[in-house]
Amino acid sequence: MSRKQCKRKHYATGSAGVSIIHQTIFKASTADVATNEQTDILLPAYMALDNLRAGMLDSTRFIVLNESNCMTWQLGRQLAIHRGSAETGDLALMVKQRTEAAAEALAVIGERWRERGTFTALAAELEAIRQSVDLCRQLLAVMPKGMALTAMIDAEAMTMASMAQARKCA
């Protein structure tokens, strides 16, 4: 004799296997990003920056620097979208300018890596990237967790799209 079995309803999942419903709830969070969460997010970027400074950067950490810069840009975007005052508009513009400077520096470092086979950076390039990572730290300290999560997800998508484009061109 066999038992009748109920078909289980499967819910659509988003990134990292989290259901769309849960993602929506997480993104709506207005709680602050905890200090330990900020550290977990920023530590890889600061480690990659130190590796670049020491001349020991590898391609994985280079991607971390790019993703960190994309996240900073996305945090500025979230700020501009959801907090539309004149002061936040000016801040969002400053974030855009700094992240574009860091993106340009990262692009030059990437081209230098293609030519020489090693990641090296000039002092001005290191400073532009450091300013972007520091700005990410400052924004995470004041942004709600939902906006930070949205920025992280969007930054990952931007980085993956950029990597796919680079592979296609190579």
Protein backbone atom coordinates (compact mmCIF):
# COMPACT_ATOMS: atom_id res chain seq x y z
CA MET A 1 0.00 0.00 0.00
CA SER A 2 1.31 3.38 -0.80
CA ARG A 3 0.51 6.53 0.99
CA LYS A 4 -0.62 9.55 -0.82
CA GLN A 5 1.98 12.23 -0.62
CA CYS A 6 1.31 15.90 -0.75
CA LYS A 7 3.27 17.84 -3.24
CA ARG A 8 5.34 20.39 -1.48
CA LYS A 9 5.04 23.91 -2.67
CA HIS A 10 8.41 25.32 -3.64
CA TYR A 11 8.98 29.03 -3.34
CA ALA A 12 11.17 30.99 -5.69
CA THR A 13 14.60 31.70 -4.29
CA GLY A 14 16.89 34.62 -4.83
CA SER A 15 20.59 34.95 -4.19
CA ALA A 16 22.16 32.53 -1.72
CA GLY A 17 19.04 30.35 -1.73
CA VAL A 18 17.02 32.78 0.38
CA SER A 19 13.36 32.95 -0.57
CA ILE A 20 12.09 36.11 -2.24
CA ILE A 21 9.79 36.68 0.73
CA HIS A 22 12.68 36.58 3.18
CA GLN A 23 14.79 38.83 0.95
CA THR A 24 12.01 41.38 0.90
CA ILE A 25 11.72 41.30 4.69
CA PHE A 26 15.50 41.62 5.15
CA LYS A 27 15.68 44.53 2.71
CA ALA A 28 12.91 46.34 4.60
CA SER A 29 14.86 46.28 7.87
CA THR A 30 15.34 49.69 9.43
CA ALA A 31 17.71 48.45 12.14
CA ASP A 32 21.25 49.80 12.17
CA VAL A 33 24.08 47.71 10.78
CA ALA A 34 25.77 46.29 13.88
CA THR A 35 29.45 47.04 14.47
CA ASN A 36 30.45 43.39 14.08
CA GLU A 37 28.52 43.22 10.79
CA GLN A 38 30.31 46.35 9.57
CA THR A 39 33.62 44.69 10.43
CA ASP A 40 32.62 41.50 8.60
CA ILE A 41 31.76 43.54 5.51
CA LEU A 42 34.78 45.84 5.53
CA LEU A 43 37.61 43.62 6.77
CA PRO A 44 38.17 41.85 3.42
CA ALA A 45 38.42 45.22 1.63
CA TYR A 46 40.92 46.61 4.14
CA MET A 47 42.95 43.38 3.92
CA ALA A 48 42.97 43.61 0.11
CA LEU A 49 44.06 47.26 0.33
CA ASP A 50 46.94 46.28 2.63
CA ASN A 51 47.90 43.48 0.22
CA LEU A 52 47.90 45.96 -2.67
CA ARG A 53 50.06 48.36 -0.67
CA ALA A 54 52.52 45.53 0.08
CA GLY A 55 52.56 44.32 -3.53
CA MET A 56 50.98 40.97 -2.62
CA LEU A 57 47.51 41.40 -4.10
CA ASP A 58 46.00 38.45 -5.99
CA SER A 59 43.08 38.42 -8.41
CA THR A 60 40.56 37.32 -5.75
CA ARG A 61 41.38 40.28 -3.51
CA PHE A 62 41.36 42.57 -6.55
CA ILE A 63 37.76 41.52 -7.09
CA VAL A 64 37.07 42.28 -3.41
CA LEU A 65 38.35 45.85 -3.92
CA ASN A 66 36.14 46.25 -6.98
CA GLU A 67 33.10 44.91 -5.15
CA SER A 68 33.79 47.19 -2.18
CA ASN A 69 33.94 50.20 -4.50
CA CYS A 70 30.68 49.10 -6.18
CA MET A 71 29.09 48.73 -2.75
CA THR A 72 30.15 52.25 -1.78
CA TRP A 73 28.61 53.53 -5.01
CA GLN A 74 25.42 51.55 -4.33
CA LEU A 75 25.22 52.92 -0.77
CA GLY A 76 25.43 56.43 -2.21
CA ARG A 77 22.71 55.51 -4.69
CA GLN A 78 20.50 54.18 -1.88
CA LEU A 79 21.09 57.40 0.02
CA ALA A 80 20.08 59.52 -2.96
CA ILE A 81 16.97 57.44 -3.67
CA HIS A 82 15.59 57.18 -0.13
CA ARG A 83 16.71 60.34 1.61
CA GLY A 84 16.11 63.06 -0.92
CA SER A 85 17.15 66.25 0.89
CA ALA A 86 19.65 68.77 -0.48
CA GLU A 87 22.35 67.66 1.98
CA THR A 88 22.01 63.98 1.12
CA GLY A 89 21.98 64.86 -2.57
CA ASP A 90 25.33 66.62 -2.12
CA LEU A 91 26.66 63.65 -0.17
CA ALA A 92 25.48 61.23 -2.87
CA LEU A 93 27.28 63.34 -5.49
CA MET A 94 30.49 63.26 -3.43
CA VAL A 95 30.16 59.46 -3.09
CA LYS A 96 29.74 59.18 -6.86
CA GLN A 97 32.86 61.28 -7.51
CA ARG A 98 35.02 59.31 -5.07
CA THR A 99 33.86 55.93 -6.29
CA GLU A 100 34.44 56.94 -9.91
CA ALA A 101 37.99 58.01 -8.99
CA ALA A 102 38.53 54.66 -7.26
CA ALA A 103 37.04 52.78 -10.24
CA GLU A 104 39.41 54.61 -12.56
CA ALA A 105 42.34 53.74 -10.29
CA LEU A 106 41.26 50.08 -10.20
CA ALA A 107 40.97 50.04 -14.00
CA VAL A 108 44.53 51.38 -14.34
CA ILE A 109 45.79 48.79 -11.83
CA GLY A 110 43.99 46.06 -13.80
CA GLU A 111 45.59 47.21 -17.06
CA ARG A 112 48.98 47.29 -15.37
CA TRP A 113 48.39 43.73 -14.18
CA ARG A 114 47.67 42.63 -17.77
CA GLU A 115 50.95 44.16 -18.91
CA ARG A 116 53.20 43.13 -16.02
CA GLY A 117 51.46 40.18 -14.39
CA THR A 118 51.44 41.81 -10.95
CA PHE A 119 49.10 44.20 -9.19
CA THR A 120 50.93 47.45 -8.44
CA ALA A 121 49.50 50.84 -7.55
CA LEU A 122 50.77 54.39 -7.37
CA ALA A 123 50.23 56.44 -4.23
CA ALA A 124 47.37 58.43 -5.80
CA GLU A 125 45.62 55.23 -6.84
CA LEU A 126 45.99 53.74 -3.36
CA GLU A 127 44.58 56.93 -1.85
CA ALA A 128 41.54 56.93 -4.16
CA ILE A 129 40.76 53.31 -3.26
CA ARG A 130 41.33 53.93 0.47
CA GLN A 131 38.95 56.90 0.37
CA SER A 132 36.28 54.71 -1.22
CA VAL A 133 36.66 51.98 1.43
CA ASP A 134 36.66 54.58 4.24
CA LEU A 135 33.54 56.16 2.78
CA CYS A 136 31.89 52.73 2.72
CA ARG A 137 32.68 52.37 6.43
CA GLN A 138 31.16 55.78 7.18
CA LEU A 139 28.02 55.07 5.15
CA LEU A 140 27.49 51.66 6.76
CA ALA A 141 27.58 53.35 10.16
CA VAL A 142 24.56 55.53 9.31
CA MET A 143 22.56 53.46 6.83
CA PRO A 144 19.78 51.07 7.85
CA LYS A 145 20.47 47.37 7.41
CA GLY A 146 17.90 47.04 4.62
CA MET A 147 19.61 49.66 2.47
CA ALA A 148 23.01 48.13 3.17
CA LEU A 149 21.74 44.69 2.15
CA THR A 150 20.27 46.06 -1.06
CA ALA A 151 23.57 47.81 -1.80
CA MET A 152 25.52 44.59 -1.17
CA ILE A 153 23.27 42.56 -3.49
CA ASP A 154 23.41 45.20 -6.22
CA ALA A 155 27.21 45.55 -5.83
CA GLU A 156 27.65 41.82 -6.27
CA ALA A 157 25.53 41.92 -9.43
CA MET A 158 27.53 44.87 -10.78
CA THR A 159 30.82 43.10 -10.10
CA MET A 160 29.68 39.86 -11.69
CA ALA A 161 28.41 41.71 -14.78
CA SER A 162 31.71 43.58 -15.04
CA MET A 163 33.67 40.34 -14.76
CA ALA A 164 31.52 38.70 -17.45
CA GLN A 165 32.08 41.69 -19.71
CA ALA A 166 35.85 41.55 -19.12
CA ARG A 167 35.91 37.81 -19.94
CA LYS A 168 33.95 38.45 -23.12
CA CYS A 169 36.40 41.14 -24.23
CA ALA A 170 39.52 39.10 -23.39
